[in-house]
Amino acid sequence: MQRNKVHHIYTVEGVARDLGVSEALVQELTLGLEPQDGVIWVYGAIDDDGIFAFTDEGVEEAKLLLEEYHRVSPSKA
């Protein structure tokens, strides 16, 4: 039986801080990502909206998208 191997996740806030960009930019760039890309929604007991979070693979995908963003739009760095 295969088991989920994700044992920790990162919030958008943490990823943005680590990458040195705004949370809004991380959210914008990763909006179209799916669970297979390393993103998940996390819900609390009283939080119906949930928060967007990244696995290690999701963080790497966000880095790639940010690199592409800076390559295409260097003036927006």
PDB file of N, CA and C in Angstrom:
ATOM      1  N   MET A   1       0.827  -1.172   0.000  1.00  0.00           N
ATOM      2  CA  MET A   1       0.000   0.000   0.000  1.00  0.00           C
ATOM      3  C   MET A   1       0.884   1.252   0.000  1.00  0.00           C
ATOM      4  N   GLN A   2       0.615   2.141  -0.947  1.00  0.00           N
ATOM      5  CA  GLN A   2       1.367   3.391  -1.007  1.00  0.00           C
ATOM      6  C   GLN A   2       0.809   4.370   0.025  1.00  0.00           C
ATOM      7  N   ARG A   3       1.699   5.047   0.702  1.00  0.00           N
ATOM      8  CA  ARG A   3       1.302   6.045   1.697  1.00  0.00           C
ATOM      9  C   ARG A   3       1.803   7.415   1.263  1.00  0.00           C
ATOM     10  N   ASN A   4       1.071   8.396   1.679  1.00  0.00           N
ATOM     11  CA  ASN A   4       1.466   9.765   1.377  1.00  0.00           C
ATOM     12  C   ASN A   4       2.782  10.064   2.079  1.00  0.00           C
ATOM     13  N   LYS A   5       3.734  10.613   1.365  1.00  0.00           N
ATOM     14  CA  LYS A   5       5.058  10.867   1.924  1.00  0.00           C
ATOM     15  C   LYS A   5       5.268  12.320   2.308  1.00  0.00           C
ATOM     16  N   VAL A   6       4.233  13.137   2.241  1.00  0.00           N
ATOM     17  CA  VAL A   6       4.350  14.535   2.641  1.00  0.00           C
ATOM     18  C   VAL A   6       4.300  14.587   4.160  1.00  0.00           C
ATOM     19  N   HIS A   7       5.350  15.120   4.762  1.00  0.00           N
ATOM     20  CA  HIS A   7       5.363  15.193   6.219  1.00  0.00           C
ATOM     21  C   HIS A   7       5.476  16.616   6.726  1.00  0.00           C
ATOM     22  N   HIS A   8       5.588  17.594   5.822  1.00  0.00           N
ATOM     23  CA  HIS A   8       5.552  18.999   6.212  1.00  0.00           C
ATOM     24  C   HIS A   8       5.155  19.831   4.993  1.00  0.00           C
ATOM     25  N   ILE A   9       4.625  21.007   5.269  1.00  0.00           N
ATOM     26  CA  ILE A   9       4.215  21.923   4.207  1.00  0.00           C
ATOM     27  C   ILE A   9       4.659  23.332   4.576  1.00  0.00           C
ATOM     28  N   TYR A  10       4.629  24.213   3.590  1.00  0.00           N
ATOM     29  CA  TYR A  10       5.016  25.610   3.767  1.00  0.00           C
ATOM     30  C   TYR A  10       3.847  26.499   3.364  1.00  0.00           C
ATOM     31  N   THR A  11       3.610  27.556   4.132  1.00  0.00           N
ATOM     32  CA  THR A  11       2.560  28.506   3.788  1.00  0.00           C
ATOM     33  C   THR A  11       3.043  29.441   2.683  1.00  0.00           C
ATOM     34  N   VAL A  12       2.100  30.107   2.050  1.00  0.00           N
ATOM     35  CA  VAL A  12       2.437  31.112   1.041  1.00  0.00           C
ATOM     36  C   VAL A  12       3.316  32.181   1.673  1.00  0.00           C
ATOM     37  N   GLU A  13       2.973  32.587   2.879  1.00  0.00           N
ATOM     38  CA  GLU A  13       3.748  33.604   3.585  1.00  0.00           C
ATOM     39  C   GLU A  13       5.205  33.178   3.740  1.00  0.00           C
ATOM     40  N   GLY A  14       5.434  31.943   4.152  1.00  0.00           N
ATOM     41  CA  GLY A  14       6.798  31.450   4.339  1.00  0.00           C
ATOM     42  C   GLY A  14       7.560  31.336   3.032  1.00  0.00           C
ATOM     43  N   VAL A  15       6.893  30.857   1.997  1.00  0.00           N
ATOM     44  CA  VAL A  15       7.544  30.724   0.688  1.00  0.00           C
ATOM     45  C   VAL A  15       7.910  32.101   0.144  1.00  0.00           C
ATOM     46  N   ALA A  16       6.984  33.049   0.251  1.00  0.00           N
ATOM     47  CA  ALA A  16       7.254  34.409  -0.232  1.00  0.00           C
ATOM     48  C   ALA A  16       8.439  35.015   0.512  1.00  0.00           C
ATOM     49  N   ARG A  17       8.475  34.848   1.816  1.00  0.00           N
ATOM     50  CA  ARG A  17       9.582  35.390   2.612  1.00  0.00           C
ATOM     51  C   ARG A  17      10.907  34.764   2.176  1.00  0.00           C
ATOM     52  N   ASP A  18      10.921  33.441   2.035  1.00  0.00           N
ATOM     53  CA  ASP A  18      12.149  32.751   1.653  1.00  0.00           C
ATOM     54  C   ASP A  18      12.625  33.132   0.253  1.00  0.00           C
ATOM     55  N   LEU A  19      11.683  33.430  -0.639  1.00  0.00           N
ATOM     56  CA  LEU A  19      12.044  33.791  -2.006  1.00  0.00           C
ATOM     57  C   LEU A  19      12.260  35.296  -2.178  1.00  0.00           C
ATOM     58  N   GLY A  20      11.946  36.071  -1.147  1.00  0.00           N
ATOM     59  CA  GLY A  20      12.160  37.513  -1.200  1.00  0.00           C
ATOM     60  C   GLY A  20      11.182  38.259  -2.085  1.00  0.00           C
ATOM     61  N   VAL A  21       9.961  37.754  -2.171  1.00  0.00           N
ATOM     62  CA  VAL A  21       8.926  38.400  -2.985  1.00  0.00           C
ATOM     63  C   VAL A  21       7.652  38.531  -2.157  1.00  0.00           C
ATOM     64  N   SER A  22       6.661  39.177  -2.721  1.00  0.00           N
ATOM     65  CA  SER A  22       5.398  39.371  -2.001  1.00  0.00           C
ATOM     66  C   SER A  22       4.545  38.100  -2.031  1.00  0.00           C
ATOM     67  N   GLU A  23       3.682  37.994  -1.020  1.00  0.00           N
ATOM     68  CA  GLU A  23       2.736  36.882  -0.991  1.00  0.00           C
ATOM     69  C   GLU A  23       1.826  36.930  -2.210  1.00  0.00           C
ATOM     70  N   ALA A  24       1.429  38.140  -2.594  1.00  0.00           N
ATOM     71  CA  ALA A  24       0.536  38.306  -3.744  1.00  0.00           C
ATOM     72  C   ALA A  24       1.162  37.748  -5.017  1.00  0.00           C
ATOM     73  N   LEU A  25       2.463  37.971  -5.198  1.00  0.00           N
ATOM     74  CA  LEU A  25       3.139  37.458  -6.393  1.00  0.00           C
ATOM     75  C   LEU A  25       3.187  35.934  -6.369  1.00  0.00           C
ATOM     76  N   VAL A  26       3.497  35.353  -5.232  1.00  0.00           N
ATOM     77  CA  VAL A  26       3.519  33.878  -5.124  1.00  0.00           C
ATOM     78  C   VAL A  26       2.133  33.329  -5.427  1.00  0.00           C
ATOM     79  N   GLN A  27       1.099  33.932  -4.870  1.00  0.00           N
ATOM     80  CA  GLN A  27      -0.259  33.453  -5.125  1.00  0.00           C
ATOM     81  C   GLN A  27      -0.621  33.588  -6.601  1.00  0.00           C
ATOM     82  N   GLU A  28      -0.253  34.712  -7.201  1.00  0.00           N
ATOM     83  CA  GLU A  28      -0.559  34.934  -8.611  1.00  0.00           C
ATOM     84  C   GLU A  28       0.134  33.906  -9.502  1.00  0.00           C
ATOM     85  N   LEU A  29       1.412  33.668  -9.251  1.00  0.00           N
ATOM     86  CA  LEU A  29       2.190  32.755 -10.092  1.00  0.00           C
ATOM     87  C   LEU A  29       1.767  31.302  -9.932  1.00  0.00           C
ATOM     88  N   THR A  30       1.275  30.942  -8.765  1.00  0.00           N
ATOM     89  CA  THR A  30       0.975  29.527  -8.486  1.00  0.00           C
ATOM     90  C   THR A  30      -0.513  29.204  -8.539  1.00  0.00           C
ATOM     91  N   LEU A  31      -1.315  30.152  -8.964  1.00  0.00           N
ATOM     92  CA  LEU A  31      -2.763  29.991  -8.977  1.00  0.00           C
ATOM     93  C   LEU A  31      -3.220  28.748  -9.724  1.00  0.00           C
ATOM     94  N   GLY A  32      -2.586  28.421 -10.824  1.00  0.00           N
ATOM     95  CA  GLY A  32      -3.012  27.294 -11.638  1.00  0.00           C
ATOM     96  C   GLY A  32      -2.425  25.945 -11.244  1.00  0.00           C
ATOM     97  N   LEU A  33      -1.611  25.906 -10.208  1.00  0.00           N
ATOM     98  CA  LEU A  33      -0.990  24.643  -9.815  1.00  0.00           C
ATOM     99  C   LEU A  33      -2.010  23.694  -9.196  1.00  0.00           C
ATOM    100  N   GLU A  34      -1.761  22.422  -9.351  1.00  0.00           N
ATOM    101  CA  GLU A  34      -2.640  21.358  -8.860  1.00  0.00           C
ATOM    102  C   GLU A  34      -1.907  20.539  -7.806  1.00  0.00           C
ATOM    103  N   PRO A  35      -2.621  19.683  -7.088  1.00  0.00           N
ATOM    104  CA  PRO A  35      -1.964  18.849  -6.073  1.00  0.00           C
ATOM    105  C   PRO A  35      -0.760  18.065  -6.600  1.00  0.00           C
ATOM    106  N   GLN A  36      -0.822  17.592  -7.824  1.00  0.00           N
ATOM    107  CA  GLN A  36       0.311  16.855  -8.375  1.00  0.00           C
ATOM    108  C   GLN A  36       1.533  17.746  -8.590  1.00  0.00           C
ATOM    109  N   ASP A  37       1.320  19.077  -8.550  1.00  0.00           N
ATOM    110  CA  ASP A  37       2.422  20.035  -8.647  1.00  0.00           C
ATOM    111  C   ASP A  37       3.004  20.369  -7.280  1.00  0.00           C
ATOM    112  N   GLY A  38       2.391  19.850  -6.229  1.00  0.00           N
ATOM    113  CA  GLY A  38       2.920  20.072  -4.888  1.00  0.00           C
ATOM    114  C   GLY A  38       2.233  21.165  -4.087  1.00  0.00           C
ATOM    115  N   VAL A  39       0.966  21.410  -4.381  1.00  0.00           N
ATOM    116  CA  VAL A  39       0.212  22.385  -3.598  1.00  0.00           C
ATOM    117  C   VAL A  39      -1.027  21.718  -3.007  1.00  0.00           C
ATOM    118  N   ILE A  40      -1.412  22.173  -1.832  1.00  0.00           N
ATOM    119  CA  ILE A  40      -2.608  21.646  -1.188  1.00  0.00           C
ATOM    120  C   ILE A  40      -3.323  22.782  -0.464  1.00  0.00           C
ATOM    121  N   TRP A  41      -4.574  22.560  -0.140  1.00  0.00           N
ATOM    122  CA  TRP A  41      -5.343  23.480   0.696  1.00  0.00           C
ATOM    123  C   TRP A  41      -5.411  22.882   2.092  1.00  0.00           C
ATOM    124  N   VAL A  42      -5.217  23.727   3.100  1.00  0.00           N
ATOM    125  CA  VAL A  42      -5.253  23.296   4.491  1.00  0.00           C
ATOM    126  C   VAL A  42      -6.420  24.007   5.165  1.00  0.00           C
ATOM    127  N   TYR A  43      -7.278  23.226   5.819  1.00  0.00           N
ATOM    128  CA  TYR A  43      -8.462  23.769   6.482  1.00  0.00           C
ATOM    129  C   TYR A  43      -8.378  23.535   7.980  1.00  0.00           C
ATOM    130  N   GLY A  44      -8.774  24.536   8.746  1.00  0.00           N
ATOM    131  CA  GLY A  44      -8.843  24.425  10.196  1.00  0.00           C
ATOM    132  C   GLY A  44     -10.275  24.170  10.632  1.00  0.00           C
ATOM    133  N   ALA A  45     -10.476  24.029  11.919  1.00  0.00           N
ATOM    134  CA  ALA A  45     -11.793  23.729  12.461  1.00  0.00           C
ATOM    135  C   ALA A  45     -12.803  24.847  12.203  1.00  0.00           C
ATOM    136  N   ILE A  46     -12.345  26.089  12.211  1.00  0.00           N
ATOM    137  CA  ILE A  46     -13.272  27.208  12.003  1.00  0.00           C
ATOM    138  C   ILE A  46     -12.916  28.024  10.763  1.00  0.00           C
ATOM    139  N   ASP A  47     -12.061  27.511   9.921  1.00  0.00           N
ATOM    140  CA  ASP A  47     -11.599  28.234   8.736  1.00  0.00           C
ATOM    141  C   ASP A  47     -12.145  27.559   7.491  1.00  0.00           C
ATOM    142  N   ASP A  48     -13.300  28.029   7.017  1.00  0.00           N
ATOM    143  CA  ASP A  48     -13.921  27.429   5.836  1.00  0.00           C
ATOM    144  C   ASP A  48     -13.185  27.751   4.549  1.00  0.00           C
ATOM    145  N   ASP A  49     -12.428  28.862   4.530  1.00  0.00           N
ATOM    146  CA  ASP A  49     -11.724  29.265   3.321  1.00  0.00           C
ATOM    147  C   ASP A  49     -10.438  28.477   3.105  1.00  0.00           C
ATOM    148  N   GLY A  50      -9.782  28.082   4.174  1.00  0.00           N
ATOM    149  CA  GLY A  50      -8.528  27.349   4.073  1.00  0.00           C
ATOM    150  C   GLY A  50      -7.380  28.245   3.650  1.00  0.00           C
ATOM    151  N   ILE A  51      -6.183  27.677   3.690  1.00  0.00           N
ATOM    152  CA  ILE A  51      -5.001  28.391   3.219  1.00  0.00           C
ATOM    153  C   ILE A  51      -4.266  27.503   2.221  1.00  0.00           C
ATOM    154  N   PHE A  52      -3.623  28.135   1.297  1.00  0.00           N
ATOM    155  CA  PHE A  52      -2.850  27.481   0.251  1.00  0.00           C
ATOM    156  C   PHE A  52      -1.485  27.132   0.825  1.00  0.00           C
ATOM    157  N   ALA A  53      -0.997  25.933   0.594  1.00  0.00           N
ATOM    158  CA  ALA A  53       0.291  25.523   1.138  1.00  0.00           C
ATOM    159  C   ALA A  53       1.050  24.694   0.099  1.00  0.00           C
ATOM    160  N   PHE A  54       2.360  24.600   0.312  1.00  0.00           N
ATOM    161  CA  PHE A  54       3.247  23.944  -0.641  1.00  0.00           C
ATOM    162  C   PHE A  54       4.011  22.802   0.013  1.00  0.00           C
ATOM    163  N   THR A  55       4.124  21.705  -0.700  1.00  0.00           N
ATOM    164  CA  THR A  55       5.060  20.658  -0.313  1.00  0.00           C
ATOM    165  C   THR A  55       6.440  21.081  -0.823  1.00  0.00           C
ATOM    166  N   ASP A  56       7.459  20.278  -0.576  1.00  0.00           N
ATOM    167  CA  ASP A  56       8.789  20.591  -1.108  1.00  0.00           C
ATOM    168  C   ASP A  56       8.749  20.735  -2.628  1.00  0.00           C
ATOM    169  N   GLU A  57       7.987  19.863  -3.282  1.00  0.00           N
ATOM    170  CA  GLU A  57       7.869  19.933  -4.743  1.00  0.00           C
ATOM    171  C   GLU A  57       7.173  21.216  -5.169  1.00  0.00           C
ATOM    172  N   GLY A  58       6.185  21.638  -4.402  1.00  0.00           N
ATOM    173  CA  GLY A  58       5.481  22.880  -4.702  1.00  0.00           C
ATOM    174  C   GLY A  58       6.377  24.095  -4.575  1.00  0.00           C
ATOM    175  N   VAL A  59       7.258  24.091  -3.577  1.00  0.00           N
ATOM    176  CA  VAL A  59       8.214  25.192  -3.404  1.00  0.00           C
ATOM    177  C   VAL A  59       9.142  25.245  -4.611  1.00  0.00           C
ATOM    178  N   GLU A  60       9.615  24.094  -5.065  1.00  0.00           N
ATOM    179  CA  GLU A  60      10.487  24.059  -6.247  1.00  0.00           C
ATOM    180  C   GLU A  60       9.745  24.562  -7.478  1.00  0.00           C
ATOM    181  N   GLU A  61       8.483  24.200  -7.609  1.00  0.00           N
ATOM    182  CA  GLU A  61       7.680  24.669  -8.737  1.00  0.00           C
ATOM    183  C   GLU A  61       7.501  26.190  -8.658  1.00  0.00           C
ATOM    184  N   ALA A  62       7.262  26.719  -7.463  1.00  0.00           N
ATOM    185  CA  ALA A  62       7.129  28.162  -7.281  1.00  0.00           C
ATOM    186  C   ALA A  62       8.429  28.864  -7.665  1.00  0.00           C
ATOM    187  N   LYS A  63       9.572  28.291  -7.301  1.00  0.00           N
ATOM    188  CA  LYS A  63      10.867  28.869  -7.670  1.00  0.00           C
ATOM    189  C   LYS A  63      11.022  28.930  -9.186  1.00  0.00           C
ATOM    190  N   LEU A  64      10.658  27.850  -9.862  1.00  0.00           N
ATOM    191  CA  LEU A  64      10.752  27.820 -11.326  1.00  0.00           C
ATOM    192  C   LEU A  64       9.847  28.877 -11.958  1.00  0.00           C
ATOM    193  N   LEU A  65       8.629  28.989 -11.440  1.00  0.00           N
ATOM    194  CA  LEU A  65       7.706  29.990 -11.969  1.00  0.00           C
ATOM    195  C   LEU A  65       8.216  31.399 -11.717  1.00  0.00           C
ATOM    196  N   LEU A  66       8.828  31.623 -10.566  1.00  0.00           N
ATOM    197  CA  LEU A  66       9.391  32.937 -10.254  1.00  0.00           C
ATOM    198  C   LEU A  66      10.575  33.260 -11.163  1.00  0.00           C
ATOM    199  N   GLU A  67      11.426  32.270 -11.433  1.00  0.00           N
ATOM    200  CA  GLU A  67      12.544  32.477 -12.359  1.00  0.00           C
ATOM    201  C   GLU A  67      12.030  32.848 -13.743  1.00  0.00           C
ATOM    202  N   GLU A  68      11.000  32.144 -14.198  1.00  0.00           N
ATOM    203  CA  GLU A  68      10.413  32.440 -15.504  1.00  0.00           C
ATOM    204  C   GLU A  68       9.796  33.841 -15.508  1.00  0.00           C
ATOM    205  N   TYR A  69       9.126  34.190 -14.443  1.00  0.00           N
ATOM    206  CA  TYR A  69       8.529  35.522 -14.316  1.00  0.00           C
ATOM    207  C   TYR A  69       9.597  36.603 -14.429  1.00  0.00           C
ATOM    208  N   HIS A  70      10.713  36.435 -13.728  1.00  0.00           N
ATOM    209  CA  HIS A  70      11.794  37.424 -13.784  1.00  0.00           C
ATOM    210  C   HIS A  70      12.477  37.443 -15.149  1.00  0.00           C
ATOM    211  N   ARG A  71      12.539  36.294 -15.817  1.00  0.00           N
ATOM    212  CA  ARG A  71      13.139  36.236 -17.149  1.00  0.00           C
ATOM    213  C   ARG A  71      12.270  36.995 -18.150  1.00  0.00           C
ATOM    214  N   VAL A  72      10.960  36.814 -18.050  1.00  0.00           N
ATOM    215  CA  VAL A  72      10.037  37.432 -18.993  1.00  0.00           C
ATOM    216  C   VAL A  72       9.777  38.891 -18.648  1.00  0.00           C
ATOM    217  N   SER A  73       9.766  39.218 -17.357  1.00  0.00           N
ATOM    218  CA  SER A  73       9.454  40.581 -16.905  1.00  0.00           C
ATOM    219  C   SER A  73      10.561  41.109 -15.996  1.00  0.00           C
ATOM    220  N   PRO A  74      11.766  41.295 -16.506  1.00  0.00           N
ATOM    221  CA  PRO A  74      12.862  41.716 -15.631  1.00  0.00           C
ATOM    222  C   PRO A  74      12.634  43.069 -14.964  1.00  0.00           C
ATOM    223  N   SER A  75      11.854  43.929 -15.558  1.00  0.00           N
ATOM    224  CA  SER A  75      11.609  45.250 -14.961  1.00  0.00           C
ATOM    225  C   SER A  75      10.692  45.171 -13.750  1.00  0.00           C
ATOM    226  N   LYS A  76      10.000  44.036 -13.574  1.00  0.00           N
ATOM    227  CA  LYS A  76       9.081  43.881 -12.439  1.00  0.00           C
ATOM    228  C   LYS A  76       9.736  43.176 -11.270  1.00  0.00           C
ATOM    229  N   ALA A  77      11.024  42.977 -11.316  1.00  0.00           N
ATOM    230  CA  ALA A  77      11.739  42.296 -10.224  1.00  0.00           C
ATOM    231  C   ALA A  77      11.649  43.128  -8.998  1.00  0.00           C
TER     232      ALA A  77
END
